[in-house]
Amino acid sequence: MRYGTSMVLLFLAAALESGGDALMRSGIHSRTITQRSLFLIAGGLVLAAYGYIVNVPPWQFGRLLGVYVTIFFLVAQSIAWLAFAEKPSTSVILGGILILVGGLIVSVGR
């Protein structure tokens, strides 16, 4: 599988995992049983799609998972900021920089 295709799939997987988690969180904190049920069902379906996307391609699991952690962190922080108005703290930003550097090393290293 080409590098670009792998990165697109990893971003899609990260969006699905983070989005599914956000839907589950919204469901857990919903006020009505209808909203709660819809959010939880949608979250479960989105998380199942994530599980499929991240596990079907024939990639080297350990190496790609290292890159995926970086992508997941970036997507999750974006969703936290945009959907829940949770701005990252200084420690989250500094930790994120370390995660990003680690992901770059795993990505370009042989």
PDB file of N, CA and C in Angstrom:
ATOM      1  N   MET A   1       0.846  -1.173   0.000  1.00  0.00           N
ATOM      2  CA  MET A   1       0.000   0.000   0.000  1.00  0.00           C
ATOM      3  C   MET A   1       0.894   1.239   0.000  1.00  0.00           C
ATOM      4  N   ARG A   2       0.520   2.195  -0.815  1.00  0.00           N
ATOM      5  CA  ARG A   2       1.319   3.415  -0.921  1.00  0.00           C
ATOM      6  C   ARG A   2       1.193   4.266   0.337  1.00  0.00           C
ATOM      7  N   TYR A   3       2.246   5.045   0.595  1.00  0.00           N
ATOM      8  CA  TYR A   3       2.318   5.877   1.792  1.00  0.00           C
ATOM      9  C   TYR A   3       1.134   6.847   1.866  1.00  0.00           C
ATOM     10  N   GLY A   4       0.840   7.519   0.758  1.00  0.00           N
ATOM     11  CA  GLY A   4      -0.253   8.488   0.745  1.00  0.00           C
ATOM     12  C   GLY A   4      -1.596   7.848   1.065  1.00  0.00           C
ATOM     13  N   THR A   5      -1.841   6.669   0.510  1.00  0.00           N
ATOM     14  CA  THR A   5      -3.084   5.946   0.780  1.00  0.00           C
ATOM     15  C   THR A   5      -3.162   5.568   2.256  1.00  0.00           C
ATOM     16  N   SER A   6      -2.040   5.110   2.794  1.00  0.00           N
ATOM     17  CA  SER A   6      -1.999   4.745   4.215  1.00  0.00           C
ATOM     18  C   SER A   6      -2.321   5.949   5.094  1.00  0.00           C
ATOM     19  N   MET A   7      -1.772   7.110   4.766  1.00  0.00           N
ATOM     20  CA  MET A   7      -2.014   8.303   5.577  1.00  0.00           C
ATOM     21  C   MET A   7      -3.484   8.720   5.505  1.00  0.00           C
ATOM     22  N   VAL A   8      -4.076   8.632   4.323  1.00  0.00           N
ATOM     23  CA  VAL A   8      -5.501   8.973   4.181  1.00  0.00           C
ATOM     24  C   VAL A   8      -6.342   8.036   5.046  1.00  0.00           C
ATOM     25  N   LEU A   9      -6.032   6.734   5.002  1.00  0.00           N
ATOM     26  CA  LEU A   9      -6.774   5.769   5.811  1.00  0.00           C
ATOM     27  C   LEU A   9      -6.576   6.021   7.306  1.00  0.00           C
ATOM     28  N   LEU A  10      -5.365   6.403   7.693  1.00  0.00           N
ATOM     29  CA  LEU A  10      -5.120   6.689   9.109  1.00  0.00           C
ATOM     30  C   LEU A  10      -5.869   7.933   9.567  1.00  0.00           C
ATOM     31  N   PHE A  11      -5.920   8.965   8.729  1.00  0.00           N
ATOM     32  CA  PHE A  11      -6.693  10.159   9.089  1.00  0.00           C
ATOM     33  C   PHE A  11      -8.181   9.831   9.173  1.00  0.00           C
ATOM     34  N   LEU A  12      -8.667   9.016   8.236  1.00  0.00           N
ATOM     35  CA  LEU A  12     -10.070   8.601   8.276  1.00  0.00           C
ATOM     36  C   LEU A  12     -10.344   7.810   9.547  1.00  0.00           C
ATOM     37  N   ALA A  13      -9.457   6.874   9.883  1.00  0.00           N
ATOM     38  CA  ALA A  13      -9.621   6.074  11.100  1.00  0.00           C
ATOM     39  C   ALA A  13      -9.617   6.966  12.340  1.00  0.00           C
ATOM     40  N   ALA A  14      -8.713   7.926  12.387  1.00  0.00           N
ATOM     41  CA  ALA A  14      -8.640   8.836  13.539  1.00  0.00           C
ATOM     42  C   ALA A  14      -9.912   9.672  13.652  1.00  0.00           C
ATOM     43  N   ALA A  15     -10.423  10.133  12.515  1.00  0.00           N
ATOM     44  CA  ALA A  15     -11.662  10.916  12.529  1.00  0.00           C
ATOM     45  C   ALA A  15     -12.828  10.049  13.010  1.00  0.00           C
ATOM     46  N   LEU A  16     -12.872   8.796  12.553  1.00  0.00           N
ATOM     47  CA  LEU A  16     -13.944   7.898  12.986  1.00  0.00           C
ATOM     48  C   LEU A  16     -13.835   7.574  14.473  1.00  0.00           C
ATOM     49  N   GLU A  17     -12.625   7.280  14.943  1.00  0.00           N
ATOM     50  CA  GLU A  17     -12.466   6.946  16.362  1.00  0.00           C
ATOM     51  C   GLU A  17     -12.790   8.147  17.247  1.00  0.00           C
ATOM     52  N   SER A  18     -12.232   9.294  16.930  1.00  0.00           N
ATOM     53  CA  SER A  18     -12.497  10.497  17.727  1.00  0.00           C
ATOM     54  C   SER A  18     -13.960  10.903  17.636  1.00  0.00           C
ATOM     55  N   GLY A  19     -14.504  10.843  16.430  1.00  0.00           N
ATOM     56  CA  GLY A  19     -15.916  11.190  16.244  1.00  0.00           C
ATOM     57  C   GLY A  19     -16.839  10.229  16.966  1.00  0.00           C
ATOM     58  N   GLY A  20     -16.521   8.937  16.906  1.00  0.00           N
ATOM     59  CA  GLY A  20     -17.320   7.950  17.624  1.00  0.00           C
ATOM     60  C   GLY A  20     -17.270   8.171  19.121  1.00  0.00           C
ATOM     61  N   ASP A  21     -16.078   8.475  19.624  1.00  0.00           N
ATOM     62  CA  ASP A  21     -15.944   8.785  21.054  1.00  0.00           C
ATOM     63  C   ASP A  21     -16.758  10.025  21.419  1.00  0.00           C
ATOM     64  N   ALA A  22     -16.731  11.040  20.565  1.00  0.00           N
ATOM     65  CA  ALA A  22     -17.496  12.265  20.822  1.00  0.00           C
ATOM     66  C   ALA A  22     -18.999  11.975  20.820  1.00  0.00           C
ATOM     67  N   LEU A  23     -19.452  11.124  19.901  1.00  0.00           N
ATOM     68  CA  LEU A  23     -20.871  10.754  19.870  1.00  0.00           C
ATOM     69  C   LEU A  23     -21.259   9.997  21.141  1.00  0.00           C
ATOM     70  N   MET A  24     -20.398   9.083  21.589  1.00  0.00           N
ATOM     71  CA  MET A  24     -20.672   8.338  22.816  1.00  0.00           C
ATOM     72  C   MET A  24     -20.745   9.296  24.007  1.00  0.00           C
ATOM     73  N   ARG A  25     -19.822  10.233  24.057  1.00  0.00           N
ATOM     74  CA  ARG A  25     -19.809  11.213  25.157  1.00  0.00           C
ATOM     75  C   ARG A  25     -21.084  12.041  25.139  1.00  0.00           C
ATOM     76  N   SER A  26     -21.478  12.466  23.935  1.00  0.00           N
ATOM     77  CA  SER A  26     -22.717  13.242  23.816  1.00  0.00           C
ATOM     78  C   SER A  26     -23.921  12.406  24.251  1.00  0.00           C
ATOM     79  N   GLY A  27     -23.920  11.131  23.894  1.00  0.00           N
ATOM     80  CA  GLY A  27     -25.021  10.255  24.296  1.00  0.00           C
ATOM     81  C   GLY A  27     -25.091  10.067  25.794  1.00  0.00           C
ATOM     82  N   ILE A  28     -23.963   9.856  26.407  1.00  0.00           N
ATOM     83  CA  ILE A  28     -23.922   9.640  27.854  1.00  0.00           C
ATOM     84  C   ILE A  28     -24.441  10.857  28.607  1.00  0.00           C
ATOM     85  N   HIS A  29     -24.176  12.048  28.069  1.00  0.00           N
ATOM     86  CA  HIS A  29     -24.570  13.274  28.755  1.00  0.00           C
ATOM     87  C   HIS A  29     -25.854  13.893  28.206  1.00  0.00           C
ATOM     88  N   SER A  30     -26.568  13.184  27.341  1.00  0.00           N
ATOM     89  CA  SER A  30     -27.834  13.703  26.791  1.00  0.00           C
ATOM     90  C   SER A  30     -28.927  13.683  27.856  1.00  0.00           C
ATOM     91  N   ARG A  31     -29.871  14.582  27.695  1.00  0.00           N
ATOM     92  CA  ARG A  31     -30.934  14.715  28.698  1.00  0.00           C
ATOM     93  C   ARG A  31     -32.119  13.786  28.444  1.00  0.00           C
ATOM     94  N   THR A  32     -32.385  13.479  27.184  1.00  0.00           N
ATOM     95  CA  THR A  32     -33.545  12.638  26.894  1.00  0.00           C
ATOM     96  C   THR A  32     -33.093  11.247  26.453  1.00  0.00           C
ATOM     97  N   ILE A  33     -33.952  10.271  26.664  1.00  0.00           N
ATOM     98  CA  ILE A  33     -33.629   8.900  26.299  1.00  0.00           C
ATOM     99  C   ILE A  33     -33.512   8.758  24.781  1.00  0.00           C
ATOM    100  N   THR A  34     -34.281   9.531  24.042  1.00  0.00           N
ATOM    101  CA  THR A  34     -34.216   9.470  22.577  1.00  0.00           C
ATOM    102  C   THR A  34     -32.872   9.975  22.088  1.00  0.00           C
ATOM    103  N   GLN A  35     -32.452  11.137  22.563  1.00  0.00           N
ATOM    104  CA  GLN A  35     -31.140  11.670  22.183  1.00  0.00           C
ATOM    105  C   GLN A  35     -30.037  10.725  22.616  1.00  0.00           C
ATOM    106  N   ARG A  36     -30.124  10.248  23.839  1.00  0.00           N
ATOM    107  CA  ARG A  36     -29.109   9.345  24.366  1.00  0.00           C
ATOM    108  C   ARG A  36     -28.993   8.105  23.481  1.00  0.00           C
ATOM    109  N   SER A  37     -30.123   7.515  23.153  1.00  0.00           N
ATOM    110  CA  SER A  37     -30.129   6.298  22.334  1.00  0.00           C
ATOM    111  C   SER A  37     -29.545   6.552  20.952  1.00  0.00           C
ATOM    112  N   LEU A  38     -29.953   7.640  20.316  1.00  0.00           N
ATOM    113  CA  LEU A  38     -29.467   7.945  18.963  1.00  0.00           C
ATOM    114  C   LEU A  38     -27.965   8.204  18.951  1.00  0.00           C
ATOM    115  N   PHE A  39     -27.484   8.984  19.909  1.00  0.00           N
ATOM    116  CA  PHE A  39     -26.046   9.260  19.978  1.00  0.00           C
ATOM    117  C   PHE A  39     -25.247   7.983  20.249  1.00  0.00           C
ATOM    118  N   LEU A  40     -25.728   7.152  21.169  1.00  0.00           N
ATOM    119  CA  LEU A  40     -25.004   5.926  21.500  1.00  0.00           C
ATOM    120  C   LEU A  40     -24.991   4.934  20.344  1.00  0.00           C
ATOM    121  N   ILE A  41     -26.102   4.805  19.645  1.00  0.00           N
ATOM    122  CA  ILE A  41     -26.149   3.915  18.474  1.00  0.00           C
ATOM    123  C   ILE A  41     -25.225   4.436  17.378  1.00  0.00           C
ATOM    124  N   ALA A  42     -25.308   5.741  17.109  1.00  0.00           N
ATOM    125  CA  ALA A  42     -24.436   6.336  16.085  1.00  0.00           C
ATOM    126  C   ALA A  42     -22.970   6.173  16.478  1.00  0.00           C
ATOM    127  N   GLY A  43     -22.653   6.400  17.739  1.00  0.00           N
ATOM    128  CA  GLY A  43     -21.279   6.243  18.216  1.00  0.00           C
ATOM    129  C   GLY A  43     -20.783   4.821  18.032  1.00  0.00           C
ATOM    130  N   GLY A  44     -21.621   3.846  18.360  1.00  0.00           N
ATOM    131  CA  GLY A  44     -21.242   2.449  18.182  1.00  0.00           C
ATOM    132  C   GLY A  44     -20.977   2.097  16.727  1.00  0.00           C
ATOM    133  N   LEU A  45     -21.816   2.597  15.827  1.00  0.00           N
ATOM    134  CA  LEU A  45     -21.628   2.334  14.392  1.00  0.00           C
ATOM    135  C   LEU A  45     -20.348   2.989  13.869  1.00  0.00           C
ATOM    136  N   VAL A  46     -20.107   4.216  14.291  1.00  0.00           N
ATOM    137  CA  VAL A  46     -18.901   4.927  13.851  1.00  0.00           C
ATOM    138  C   VAL A  46     -17.646   4.239  14.389  1.00  0.00           C
ATOM    139  N   LEU A  47     -17.685   3.782  15.645  1.00  0.00           N
ATOM    140  CA  LEU A  47     -16.530   3.083  16.209  1.00  0.00           C
ATOM    141  C   LEU A  47     -16.308   1.731  15.534  1.00  0.00           C
ATOM    142  N   ALA A  48     -17.373   1.068  15.122  1.00  0.00           N
ATOM    143  CA  ALA A  48     -17.226  -0.187  14.369  1.00  0.00           C
ATOM    144  C   ALA A  48     -16.568   0.084  13.017  1.00  0.00           C
ATOM    145  N   ALA A  49     -16.956   1.182  12.364  1.00  0.00           N
ATOM    146  CA  ALA A  49     -16.333   1.548  11.081  1.00  0.00           C
ATOM    147  C   ALA A  49     -14.847   1.842  11.279  1.00  0.00           C
ATOM    148  N   TYR A  50     -14.507   2.514  12.373  1.00  0.00           N
ATOM    149  CA  TYR A  50     -13.099   2.768  12.694  1.00  0.00           C
ATOM    150  C   TYR A  50     -12.333   1.446  12.821  1.00  0.00           C
ATOM    151  N   GLY A  51     -12.887   0.509  13.573  1.00  0.00           N
ATOM    152  CA  GLY A  51     -12.224  -0.776  13.774  1.00  0.00           C
ATOM    153  C   GLY A  51     -11.971  -1.507  12.470  1.00  0.00           C
ATOM    154  N   TYR A  52     -12.898  -1.389  11.558  1.00  0.00           N
ATOM    155  CA  TYR A  52     -12.746  -2.025  10.245  1.00  0.00           C
ATOM    156  C   TYR A  52     -11.644  -1.333   9.438  1.00  0.00           C
ATOM    157  N   ILE A  53     -11.726  -0.009   9.339  1.00  0.00           N
ATOM    158  CA  ILE A  53     -10.771   0.769   8.528  1.00  0.00           C
ATOM    159  C   ILE A  53      -9.332   0.565   8.999  1.00  0.00           C
ATOM    160  N   VAL A  54      -9.109   0.564  10.302  1.00  0.00           N
ATOM    161  CA  VAL A  54      -7.745   0.507  10.821  1.00  0.00           C
ATOM    162  C   VAL A  54      -7.160  -0.910  10.749  1.00  0.00           C
ATOM    163  N   ASN A  55      -8.007  -1.937  10.657  1.00  0.00           N
ATOM    164  CA  ASN A  55      -7.503  -3.306  10.702  1.00  0.00           C
ATOM    165  C   ASN A  55      -7.511  -4.058   9.381  1.00  0.00           C
ATOM    166  N   VAL A  56      -8.195  -3.582   8.372  1.00  0.00           N
ATOM    167  CA  VAL A  56      -8.262  -4.303   7.096  1.00  0.00           C
ATOM    168  C   VAL A  56      -6.982  -4.192   6.259  1.00  0.00           C
ATOM    169  N   PRO A  57      -6.379  -3.011   6.144  1.00  0.00           N
ATOM    170  CA  PRO A  57      -5.184  -2.910   5.297  1.00  0.00           C
ATOM    171  C   PRO A  57      -4.036  -3.787   5.807  1.00  0.00           C
ATOM    172  N   PRO A  58      -3.233  -4.294   4.895  1.00  0.00           N
ATOM    173  CA  PRO A  58      -2.133  -5.185   5.276  1.00  0.00           C
ATOM    174  C   PRO A  58      -0.858  -4.425   5.649  1.00  0.00           C
ATOM    175  N   TRP A  59      -0.953  -3.549   6.613  1.00  0.00           N
ATOM    176  CA  TRP A  59       0.228  -2.781   6.970  1.00  0.00           C
ATOM    177  C   TRP A  59       0.911  -3.341   8.205  1.00  0.00           C
ATOM    178  N   GLN A  60       2.128  -2.892   8.395  1.00  0.00           N
ATOM    179  CA  GLN A  60       2.927  -3.306   9.545  1.00  0.00           C
ATOM    180  C   GLN A  60       2.322  -2.650  10.786  1.00  0.00           C
ATOM    181  N   PHE A  61       1.637  -3.449  11.589  1.00  0.00           N
ATOM    182  CA  PHE A  61       0.788  -2.930  12.659  1.00  0.00           C
ATOM    183  C   PHE A  61       1.540  -2.037  13.642  1.00  0.00           C
ATOM    184  N   GLY A  62       2.664  -2.493  14.164  1.00  0.00           N
ATOM    185  CA  GLY A  62       3.391  -1.730  15.179  1.00  0.00           C
ATOM    186  C   GLY A  62       3.875  -0.382  14.689  1.00  0.00           C
ATOM    187  N   ARG A  63       4.449  -0.358  13.508  1.00  0.00           N
ATOM    188  CA  ARG A  63       4.994   0.897  12.973  1.00  0.00           C
ATOM    189  C   ARG A  63       3.866   1.881  12.652  1.00  0.00           C
ATOM    190  N   LEU A  64       2.836   1.374  11.990  1.00  0.00           N
ATOM    191  CA  LEU A  64       1.755   2.270  11.609  1.00  0.00           C
ATOM    192  C   LEU A  64       0.968   2.748  12.815  1.00  0.00           C
ATOM    193  N   LEU A  65       0.864   1.917  13.841  1.00  0.00           N
ATOM    194  CA  LEU A  65       0.161   2.339  15.032  1.00  0.00           C
ATOM    195  C   LEU A  65       0.885   3.508  15.697  1.00  0.00           C
ATOM    196  N   GLY A  66       2.214   3.522  15.618  1.00  0.00           N
ATOM    197  CA  GLY A  66       2.976   4.653  16.136  1.00  0.00           C
ATOM    198  C   GLY A  66       2.626   5.942  15.416  1.00  0.00           C
ATOM    199  N   VAL A  67       2.475   5.874  14.111  1.00  0.00           N
ATOM    200  CA  VAL A  67       2.075   7.042  13.325  1.00  0.00           C
ATOM    201  C   VAL A  67       0.620   7.398  13.637  1.00  0.00           C
ATOM    202  N   TYR A  68      -0.207   6.364  13.777  1.00  0.00           N
ATOM    203  CA  TYR A  68      -1.631   6.582  14.045  1.00  0.00           C
ATOM    204  C   TYR A  68      -1.852   7.332  15.361  1.00  0.00           C
ATOM    205  N   VAL A  69      -1.068   7.021  16.364  1.00  0.00           N
ATOM    206  CA  VAL A  69      -1.216   7.702  17.653  1.00  0.00           C
ATOM    207  C   VAL A  69      -1.047   9.208  17.475  1.00  0.00           C
ATOM    208  N   THR A  70      -0.099   9.602  16.651  1.00  0.00           N
ATOM    209  CA  THR A  70       0.119  11.024  16.382  1.00  0.00           C
ATOM    210  C   THR A  70      -1.092  11.640  15.690  1.00  0.00           C
ATOM    211  N   ILE A  71      -1.568  10.971  14.662  1.00  0.00           N
ATOM    212  CA  ILE A  71      -2.720  11.481  13.914  1.00  0.00           C
ATOM    213  C   ILE A  71      -3.944  11.540  14.818  1.00  0.00           C
ATOM    214  N   PHE A  72      -4.152  10.473  15.607  1.00  0.00           N
ATOM    215  CA  PHE A  72      -5.290  10.436  16.518  1.00  0.00           C
ATOM    216  C   PHE A  72      -5.225  11.605  17.509  1.00  0.00           C
ATOM    217  N   PHE A  73      -4.051  11.867  18.059  1.00  0.00           N
ATOM    218  CA  PHE A  73      -3.903  12.968  19.005  1.00  0.00           C
ATOM    219  C   PHE A  73      -4.327  14.291  18.363  1.00  0.00           C
ATOM    220  N   LEU A  74      -3.844  14.551  17.159  1.00  0.00           N
ATOM    221  CA  LEU A  74      -4.164  15.815  16.484  1.00  0.00           C
ATOM    222  C   LEU A  74      -5.662  15.935  16.188  1.00  0.00           C
ATOM    223  N   VAL A  75      -6.257  14.861  15.687  1.00  0.00           N
ATOM    224  CA  VAL A  75      -7.684  14.884  15.367  1.00  0.00           C
ATOM    225  C   VAL A  75      -8.511  15.007  16.648  1.00  0.00           C
ATOM    226  N   ALA A  76      -8.151  14.249  17.682  1.00  0.00           N
ATOM    227  CA  ALA A  76      -8.902  14.286  18.936  1.00  0.00           C
ATOM    228  C   ALA A  76      -8.853  15.677  19.572  1.00  0.00           C
ATOM    229  N   GLN A  77      -7.694  16.315  19.547  1.00  0.00           N
ATOM    230  CA  GLN A  77      -7.585  17.662  20.107  1.00  0.00           C
ATOM    231  C   GLN A  77      -8.412  18.659  19.302  1.00  0.00           C
ATOM    232  N   SER A  78      -8.443  18.484  17.986  1.00  0.00           N
ATOM    233  CA  SER A  78      -9.257  19.360  17.133  1.00  0.00           C
ATOM    234  C   SER A  78     -10.738  19.205  17.458  1.00  0.00           C
ATOM    235  N   ILE A  79     -11.193  17.960  17.607  1.00  0.00           N
ATOM    236  CA  ILE A  79     -12.605  17.715  17.938  1.00  0.00           C
ATOM    237  C   ILE A  79     -12.922  18.264  19.331  1.00  0.00           C
ATOM    238  N   ALA A  80     -12.018  18.054  20.282  1.00  0.00           N
ATOM    239  CA  ALA A  80     -12.248  18.574  21.637  1.00  0.00           C
ATOM    240  C   ALA A  80     -12.414  20.093  21.613  1.00  0.00           C
ATOM    241  N   TRP A  81     -11.591  20.752  20.807  1.00  0.00           N
ATOM    242  CA  TRP A  81     -11.645  22.211  20.723  1.00  0.00           C
ATOM    243  C   TRP A  81     -12.916  22.668  20.003  1.00  0.00           C
ATOM    244  N   LEU A  82     -13.210  22.048  18.850  1.00  0.00           N
ATOM    245  CA  LEU A  82     -14.333  22.501  18.026  1.00  0.00           C
ATOM    246  C   LEU A  82     -15.692  22.055  18.560  1.00  0.00           C
ATOM    247  N   ALA A  83     -15.802  20.820  19.034  1.00  0.00           N
ATOM    248  CA  ALA A  83     -17.101  20.296  19.453  1.00  0.00           C
ATOM    249  C   ALA A  83     -17.427  20.572  20.917  1.00  0.00           C
ATOM    250  N   PHE A  84     -16.397  20.619  21.759  1.00  0.00           N
ATOM    251  CA  PHE A  84     -16.640  20.757  23.197  1.00  0.00           C
ATOM    252  C   PHE A  84     -16.015  22.010  23.803  1.00  0.00           C
ATOM    253  N   ALA A  85     -15.463  22.884  22.954  1.00  0.00           N
ATOM    254  CA  ALA A  85     -14.849  24.145  23.391  1.00  0.00           C
ATOM    255  C   ALA A  85     -13.763  23.924  24.446  1.00  0.00           C
ATOM    256  N   GLU A  86     -13.012  22.821  24.318  1.00  0.00           N
ATOM    257  CA  GLU A  86     -11.915  22.514  25.240  1.00  0.00           C
ATOM    258  C   GLU A  86     -10.591  22.905  24.588  1.00  0.00           C
ATOM    259  N   LYS A  87     -10.129  24.101  24.917  1.00  0.00           N
ATOM    260  CA  LYS A  87      -8.847  24.550  24.370  1.00  0.00           C
ATOM    261  C   LYS A  87      -7.711  23.788  25.041  1.00  0.00           C
ATOM    262  N   PRO A  88      -6.710  23.363  24.257  1.00  0.00           N
ATOM    263  CA  PRO A  88      -5.608  22.605  24.858  1.00  0.00           C
ATOM    264  C   PRO A  88      -4.774  23.495  25.783  1.00  0.00           C
ATOM    265  N   SER A  89      -4.382  22.909  26.912  1.00  0.00           N
ATOM    266  CA  SER A  89      -3.530  23.625  27.862  1.00  0.00           C
ATOM    267  C   SER A  89      -2.087  23.627  27.361  1.00  0.00           C
ATOM    268  N   THR A  90      -1.257  24.363  28.039  1.00  0.00           N
ATOM    269  CA  THR A  90       0.162  24.406  27.672  1.00  0.00           C
ATOM    270  C   THR A  90       0.783  23.019  27.763  1.00  0.00           C
ATOM    271  N   SER A  91       0.440  22.261  28.804  1.00  0.00           N
ATOM    272  CA  SER A  91       1.012  20.919  28.938  1.00  0.00           C
ATOM    273  C   SER A  91       0.535  19.990  27.826  1.00  0.00           C
ATOM    274  N   VAL A  92      -0.697  20.138  27.394  1.00  0.00           N
ATOM    275  CA  VAL A  92      -1.194  19.322  26.278  1.00  0.00           C
ATOM    276  C   VAL A  92      -0.469  19.705  24.986  1.00  0.00           C
ATOM    277  N   ILE A  93      -0.247  20.976  24.782  1.00  0.00           N
ATOM    278  CA  ILE A  93       0.476  21.423  23.586  1.00  0.00           C
ATOM    279  C   ILE A  93       1.913  20.904  23.602  1.00  0.00           C
ATOM    280  N   LEU A  94       2.587  21.028  24.744  1.00  0.00           N
ATOM    281  CA  LEU A  94       3.968  20.532  24.836  1.00  0.00           C
ATOM    282  C   LEU A  94       4.029  19.017  24.657  1.00  0.00           C
ATOM    283  N   GLY A  95       3.116  18.294  25.304  1.00  0.00           N
ATOM    284  CA  GLY A  95       3.057  16.842  25.118  1.00  0.00           C
ATOM    285  C   GLY A  95       2.748  16.481  23.683  1.00  0.00           C
ATOM    286  N   GLY A  96       1.868  17.251  23.058  1.00  0.00           N
ATOM    287  CA  GLY A  96       1.529  17.026  21.651  1.00  0.00           C
ATOM    288  C   GLY A  96       2.721  17.208  20.727  1.00  0.00           C
ATOM    289  N   ILE A  97       3.558  18.187  21.043  1.00  0.00           N
ATOM    290  CA  ILE A  97       4.771  18.387  20.239  1.00  0.00           C
ATOM    291  C   ILE A  97       5.663  17.154  20.336  1.00  0.00           C
ATOM    292  N   LEU A  98       5.792  16.599  21.539  1.00  0.00           N
ATOM    293  CA  LEU A  98       6.591  15.374  21.707  1.00  0.00           C
ATOM    294  C   LEU A  98       5.975  14.202  20.942  1.00  0.00           C
ATOM    295  N   ILE A  99       4.651  14.087  20.997  1.00  0.00           N
ATOM    296  CA  ILE A  99       3.966  13.026  20.245  1.00  0.00           C
ATOM    297  C   ILE A  99       4.201  13.213  18.750  1.00  0.00           C
ATOM    298  N   LEU A 100       4.106  14.449  18.266  1.00  0.00           N
ATOM    299  CA  LEU A 100       4.319  14.738  16.853  1.00  0.00           C
ATOM    300  C   LEU A 100       5.740  14.389  16.424  1.00  0.00           C
ATOM    301  N   VAL A 101       6.716  14.763  17.217  1.00  0.00           N
ATOM    302  CA  VAL A 101       8.112  14.431  16.892  1.00  0.00           C
ATOM    303  C   VAL A 101       8.292  12.916  16.849  1.00  0.00           C
ATOM    304  N   GLY A 102       7.726  12.215  17.829  1.00  0.00           N
ATOM    305  CA  GLY A 102       7.819  10.754  17.838  1.00  0.00           C
ATOM    306  C   GLY A 102       7.179  10.136  16.611  1.00  0.00           C
ATOM    307  N   GLY A 103       6.016  10.630  16.223  1.00  0.00           N
ATOM    308  CA  GLY A 103       5.331  10.133  15.035  1.00  0.00           C
ATOM    309  C   GLY A 103       6.123  10.374  13.772  1.00  0.00           C
ATOM    310  N   LEU A 104       6.784  11.524  13.677  1.00  0.00           N
ATOM    311  CA  LEU A 104       7.631  11.808  12.515  1.00  0.00           C
ATOM    312  C   LEU A 104       8.830  10.858  12.459  1.00  0.00           C
ATOM    313  N   ILE A 105       9.431  10.590  13.607  1.00  0.00           N
ATOM    314  CA  ILE A 105      10.564   9.660  13.658  1.00  0.00           C
ATOM    315  C   ILE A 105      10.125   8.272  13.221  1.00  0.00           C
ATOM    316  N   VAL A 106       8.989   7.801  13.734  1.00  0.00           N
ATOM    317  CA  VAL A 106       8.478   6.480  13.350  1.00  0.00           C
ATOM    318  C   VAL A 106       8.121   6.458  11.867  1.00  0.00           C
ATOM    319  N   SER A 107       7.548   7.544  11.370  1.00  0.00           N
ATOM    320  CA  SER A 107       7.087   7.602   9.986  1.00  0.00           C
ATOM    321  C   SER A 107       8.218   7.587   8.969  1.00  0.00           C
ATOM    322  N   VAL A 108       9.250   8.352   9.227  1.00  0.00           N
ATOM    323  CA  VAL A 108      10.343   8.456   8.231  1.00  0.00           C
ATOM    324  C   VAL A 108      11.493   7.509   8.493  1.00  0.00           C
ATOM    325  N   GLY A 109      11.557   6.939   9.691  1.00  0.00           N
ATOM    326  CA  GLY A 109      12.654   6.014  10.027  1.00  0.00           C
ATOM    327  C   GLY A 109      12.495   4.682   9.333  1.00  0.00           C
ATOM    328  N   ARG A 110      13.590   3.989   9.196  1.00  0.00           N
ATOM    329  CA  ARG A 110      13.559   2.653   8.554  1.00  0.00           C
ATOM    330  C   ARG A 110      13.857   1.604   9.539  1.00  0.00           C
TER     331      ARG A 110
END
